[in-house]
N, C-alpha and C. Protein backbone atom coordinates (compact mmCIF):
# COMPACT_ATOMS: atom_id res chain seq x y z
N MET A 1 -16.54 -5.31 8.21
CA MET A 1 -15.10 -5.08 8.13
C MET A 1 -14.47 -5.58 9.42
N SER A 2 -13.36 -6.29 9.27
CA SER A 2 -12.69 -6.85 10.44
C SER A 2 -11.99 -5.76 11.26
N GLU A 3 -11.69 -6.08 12.48
CA GLU A 3 -10.98 -5.15 13.37
C GLU A 3 -9.61 -4.79 12.80
N LEU A 4 -8.93 -5.79 12.22
CA LEU A 4 -7.61 -5.54 11.62
C LEU A 4 -7.73 -4.61 10.43
N CYS A 5 -8.74 -4.81 9.60
CA CYS A 5 -8.95 -3.95 8.44
C CYS A 5 -9.27 -2.52 8.89
N GLU A 6 -10.05 -2.39 9.93
CA GLU A 6 -10.37 -1.06 10.47
C GLU A 6 -9.09 -0.37 10.95
N LYS A 7 -8.20 -1.12 11.58
CA LYS A 7 -6.93 -0.54 12.05
C LYS A 7 -6.11 -0.04 10.86
N VAL A 8 -6.04 -0.82 9.79
CA VAL A 8 -5.30 -0.42 8.60
C VAL A 8 -5.96 0.81 7.96
N CYS A 9 -7.28 0.81 7.88
CA CYS A 9 -7.99 1.97 7.31
C CYS A 9 -7.73 3.24 8.12
N ARG A 10 -7.71 3.13 9.44
CA ARG A 10 -7.40 4.30 10.27
C ARG A 10 -5.99 4.80 9.99
N GLU A 11 -5.06 3.88 9.80
CA GLU A 11 -3.69 4.28 9.49
C GLU A 11 -3.62 4.93 8.10
N LEU A 12 -4.37 4.39 7.14
CA LEU A 12 -4.39 4.97 5.80
C LEU A 12 -4.94 6.40 5.80
N GLU A 13 -5.84 6.70 6.71
CA GLU A 13 -6.42 8.05 6.80
C GLU A 13 -5.36 9.09 7.12
N ARG A 14 -4.23 8.67 7.64
CA ARG A 14 -3.14 9.59 7.97
C ARG A 14 -2.33 9.99 6.74
N TYR A 15 -2.58 9.31 5.61
CA TYR A 15 -1.81 9.53 4.39
C TYR A 15 -2.67 10.18 3.32
N GLU A 16 -2.07 11.12 2.61
CA GLU A 16 -2.74 11.74 1.47
C GLU A 16 -1.67 12.04 0.43
N HIS A 17 -1.97 11.74 -0.81
CA HIS A 17 -1.01 11.97 -1.88
C HIS A 17 -1.77 12.44 -3.11
N PRO A 18 -1.25 13.44 -3.84
CA PRO A 18 -1.98 13.96 -5.00
C PRO A 18 -2.03 12.97 -6.18
N LEU A 19 -1.13 11.99 -6.20
CA LEU A 19 -1.09 11.07 -7.34
C LEU A 19 -1.59 9.66 -7.04
N PHE A 20 -1.65 9.28 -5.76
CA PHE A 20 -1.99 7.91 -5.41
C PHE A 20 -3.20 7.84 -4.49
N ALA A 21 -4.02 6.82 -4.73
CA ALA A 21 -5.16 6.53 -3.86
C ALA A 21 -4.85 5.22 -3.14
N PHE A 22 -5.21 5.17 -1.89
CA PHE A 22 -4.93 4.00 -1.07
C PHE A 22 -6.24 3.41 -0.57
N GLY A 23 -6.29 2.09 -0.47
CA GLY A 23 -7.47 1.42 0.05
C GLY A 23 -7.08 0.14 0.76
N ALA A 24 -8.03 -0.41 1.50
CA ALA A 24 -7.79 -1.66 2.22
C ALA A 24 -9.09 -2.45 2.30
N ARG A 25 -8.94 -3.77 2.30
CA ARG A 25 -10.10 -4.65 2.45
C ARG A 25 -9.64 -5.93 3.13
N SER A 26 -10.57 -6.55 3.82
CA SER A 26 -10.27 -7.81 4.50
C SER A 26 -9.95 -8.88 3.47
N ALA A 27 -8.99 -9.72 3.80
CA ALA A 27 -8.61 -10.85 2.96
C ALA A 27 -8.57 -12.09 3.83
N ALA A 28 -8.58 -13.23 3.20
CA ALA A 28 -8.60 -14.50 3.94
C ALA A 28 -7.44 -14.62 4.92
N ASN A 29 -6.28 -14.12 4.55
CA ASN A 29 -5.10 -14.28 5.39
C ASN A 29 -4.57 -12.97 5.94
N GLY A 30 -5.41 -11.95 6.08
CA GLY A 30 -4.99 -10.67 6.63
C GLY A 30 -5.77 -9.53 6.03
N VAL A 31 -5.07 -8.48 5.66
CA VAL A 31 -5.69 -7.30 5.06
C VAL A 31 -4.94 -6.98 3.76
N GLU A 32 -5.70 -6.82 2.68
CA GLU A 32 -5.12 -6.49 1.39
C GLU A 32 -5.13 -4.97 1.23
N ILE A 33 -3.99 -4.41 0.87
CA ILE A 33 -3.84 -2.97 0.69
C ILE A 33 -3.65 -2.71 -0.80
N GLU A 34 -4.32 -1.65 -1.28
CA GLU A 34 -4.25 -1.28 -2.69
C GLU A 34 -3.62 0.10 -2.82
N ILE A 35 -2.71 0.24 -3.77
CA ILE A 35 -2.14 1.54 -4.13
C ILE A 35 -2.42 1.73 -5.61
N ARG A 36 -3.19 2.76 -5.91
CA ARG A 36 -3.63 3.00 -7.28
C ARG A 36 -3.23 4.41 -7.71
N PHE A 37 -2.78 4.54 -8.96
CA PHE A 37 -2.44 5.83 -9.54
C PHE A 37 -3.73 6.56 -9.87
N LYS A 38 -3.91 7.78 -9.37
CA LYS A 38 -5.16 8.53 -9.55
C LYS A 38 -5.39 9.04 -10.97
N PRO A 39 -4.43 9.75 -11.57
CA PRO A 39 -4.70 10.36 -12.87
C PRO A 39 -5.01 9.32 -13.95
N ALA A 40 -6.01 9.63 -14.76
CA ALA A 40 -6.37 8.76 -15.88
C ALA A 40 -5.38 8.96 -17.02
N GLY A 41 -5.24 7.96 -17.84
CA GLY A 41 -4.44 8.10 -19.04
C GLY A 41 -3.08 7.45 -18.98
N ALA A 42 -2.46 7.44 -17.84
CA ALA A 42 -1.14 6.82 -17.73
C ALA A 42 -1.32 5.37 -17.27
N GLU A 43 -0.57 4.48 -17.92
CA GLU A 43 -0.64 3.08 -17.52
C GLU A 43 0.35 2.82 -16.40
N VAL A 44 -0.16 2.76 -15.21
CA VAL A 44 0.67 2.49 -14.03
C VAL A 44 0.03 1.32 -13.30
N HIS A 45 0.84 0.35 -12.97
CA HIS A 45 0.37 -0.85 -12.30
C HIS A 45 -0.29 -0.51 -10.95
N THR A 46 -1.43 -1.11 -10.68
CA THR A 46 -2.05 -1.01 -9.36
C THR A 46 -1.41 -2.08 -8.48
N TYR A 47 -0.89 -1.65 -7.34
CA TYR A 47 -0.23 -2.59 -6.44
C TYR A 47 -1.18 -3.07 -5.37
N LEU A 48 -1.15 -4.37 -5.14
CA LEU A 48 -1.88 -5.00 -4.06
C LEU A 48 -0.87 -5.79 -3.24
N PHE A 49 -0.94 -5.63 -1.94
CA PHE A 49 -0.12 -6.46 -1.06
C PHE A 49 -0.93 -6.78 0.18
N THR A 50 -0.61 -7.90 0.78
CA THR A 50 -1.34 -8.35 1.96
C THR A 50 -0.45 -8.27 3.18
N MET A 51 -1.01 -7.72 4.23
CA MET A 51 -0.32 -7.70 5.53
C MET A 51 -0.96 -8.76 6.41
N GLN A 52 -0.12 -9.52 7.06
CA GLN A 52 -0.56 -10.59 7.94
C GLN A 52 -1.02 -10.01 9.28
N PRO A 53 -1.91 -10.70 9.97
CA PRO A 53 -2.37 -10.23 11.28
C PRO A 53 -1.23 -9.91 12.24
N ARG A 54 -0.20 -10.74 12.28
CA ARG A 54 0.92 -10.48 13.21
C ARG A 54 1.62 -9.16 12.89
N GLU A 55 1.68 -8.76 11.60
CA GLU A 55 2.30 -7.49 11.22
C GLU A 55 1.44 -6.31 11.69
N ILE A 56 0.14 -6.44 11.56
CA ILE A 56 -0.79 -5.37 11.92
C ILE A 56 -0.88 -5.21 13.44
N GLU A 57 -0.79 -6.31 14.15
CA GLU A 57 -0.90 -6.27 15.61
C GLU A 57 0.41 -5.89 16.29
N HIS A 58 1.50 -5.89 15.56
CA HIS A 58 2.83 -5.60 16.12
C HIS A 58 2.91 -4.12 16.53
N ALA A 59 3.68 -3.84 17.57
CA ALA A 59 3.83 -2.47 18.07
C ALA A 59 4.45 -1.54 17.03
N GLN A 60 5.25 -2.08 16.12
CA GLN A 60 5.90 -1.28 15.08
C GLN A 60 5.05 -1.13 13.81
N PHE A 61 3.77 -1.52 13.87
CA PHE A 61 2.91 -1.48 12.70
C PHE A 61 2.92 -0.13 11.96
N PRO A 62 2.75 1.02 12.63
CA PRO A 62 2.74 2.27 11.86
C PRO A 62 4.01 2.50 11.04
N TRP A 63 5.15 2.19 11.61
CA TRP A 63 6.41 2.37 10.90
C TRP A 63 6.54 1.38 9.75
N THR A 64 6.24 0.12 10.00
CA THR A 64 6.32 -0.93 8.98
C THR A 64 5.36 -0.63 7.84
N PHE A 65 4.17 -0.18 8.17
CA PHE A 65 3.17 0.15 7.17
C PHE A 65 3.66 1.29 6.28
N GLN A 66 4.22 2.32 6.89
CA GLN A 66 4.75 3.45 6.13
C GLN A 66 5.85 2.98 5.17
N ARG A 67 6.72 2.13 5.65
CA ARG A 67 7.79 1.61 4.81
C ARG A 67 7.23 0.84 3.61
N HIS A 68 6.21 0.02 3.85
CA HIS A 68 5.55 -0.71 2.75
C HIS A 68 4.98 0.27 1.72
N LEU A 69 4.26 1.27 2.19
CA LEU A 69 3.67 2.24 1.25
C LEU A 69 4.75 2.92 0.42
N TYR A 70 5.80 3.38 1.06
CA TYR A 70 6.86 4.07 0.34
C TYR A 70 7.55 3.14 -0.66
N ASP A 71 7.82 1.92 -0.26
CA ASP A 71 8.47 0.96 -1.16
C ASP A 71 7.63 0.71 -2.41
N TYR A 72 6.33 0.54 -2.23
CA TYR A 72 5.48 0.27 -3.38
C TYR A 72 5.30 1.50 -4.26
N VAL A 73 5.24 2.67 -3.67
CA VAL A 73 5.14 3.90 -4.48
C VAL A 73 6.40 4.05 -5.32
N ILE A 74 7.56 3.78 -4.77
CA ILE A 74 8.81 3.85 -5.53
C ILE A 74 8.77 2.87 -6.70
N GLU A 75 8.20 1.70 -6.47
CA GLU A 75 8.10 0.69 -7.53
C GLU A 75 7.23 1.16 -8.70
N MET A 76 6.40 2.18 -8.48
CA MET A 76 5.49 2.66 -9.52
C MET A 76 6.16 3.61 -10.50
N PHE A 77 7.43 3.95 -10.27
CA PHE A 77 8.16 4.73 -11.26
C PHE A 77 8.18 3.94 -12.58
N THR A 78 8.07 4.62 -13.69
CA THR A 78 8.11 3.91 -14.96
C THR A 78 9.53 3.50 -15.32
N ARG A 79 10.51 4.16 -14.70
CA ARG A 79 11.91 3.79 -14.89
C ARG A 79 12.66 4.18 -13.63
N ASN A 80 13.59 3.35 -13.20
CA ASN A 80 14.41 3.68 -12.04
C ASN A 80 15.79 3.06 -12.21
N PRO A 81 16.77 3.49 -11.42
CA PRO A 81 18.15 3.01 -11.59
C PRO A 81 18.33 1.51 -11.38
N GLN A 82 17.41 0.87 -10.65
CA GLN A 82 17.55 -0.56 -10.39
C GLN A 82 17.09 -1.41 -11.57
N GLN A 83 16.35 -0.84 -12.50
CA GLN A 83 15.86 -1.62 -13.64
C GLN A 83 16.97 -1.87 -14.64
N LYS A 84 16.96 -3.04 -15.20
CA LYS A 84 17.94 -3.37 -16.25
C LYS A 84 17.39 -2.89 -17.58
N ASP A 85 18.26 -2.28 -18.38
CA ASP A 85 17.84 -1.83 -19.71
C ASP A 85 17.62 -3.05 -20.61
N PRO A 86 16.61 -2.99 -21.47
CA PRO A 86 16.32 -4.14 -22.36
C PRO A 86 17.40 -4.36 -23.39
């Protein structure tokens, strides 16, 4: 595991949620973060996003990382006010 991935994993250890599981793995161009819905039975998209080395090494990384997690969790709503009705 790369040093950057270890840093992201340490940051992920600070988060716990009853509905979502978080993970990280090294990727060719940074670290890939996974947000997965824990409960079985509901079809909820698993989100993957990649953070670049410069983002992880930046002094604001903890805050930026938290914002990313929150943004993606919000996207996992099955319906929200920003969605257009079919």
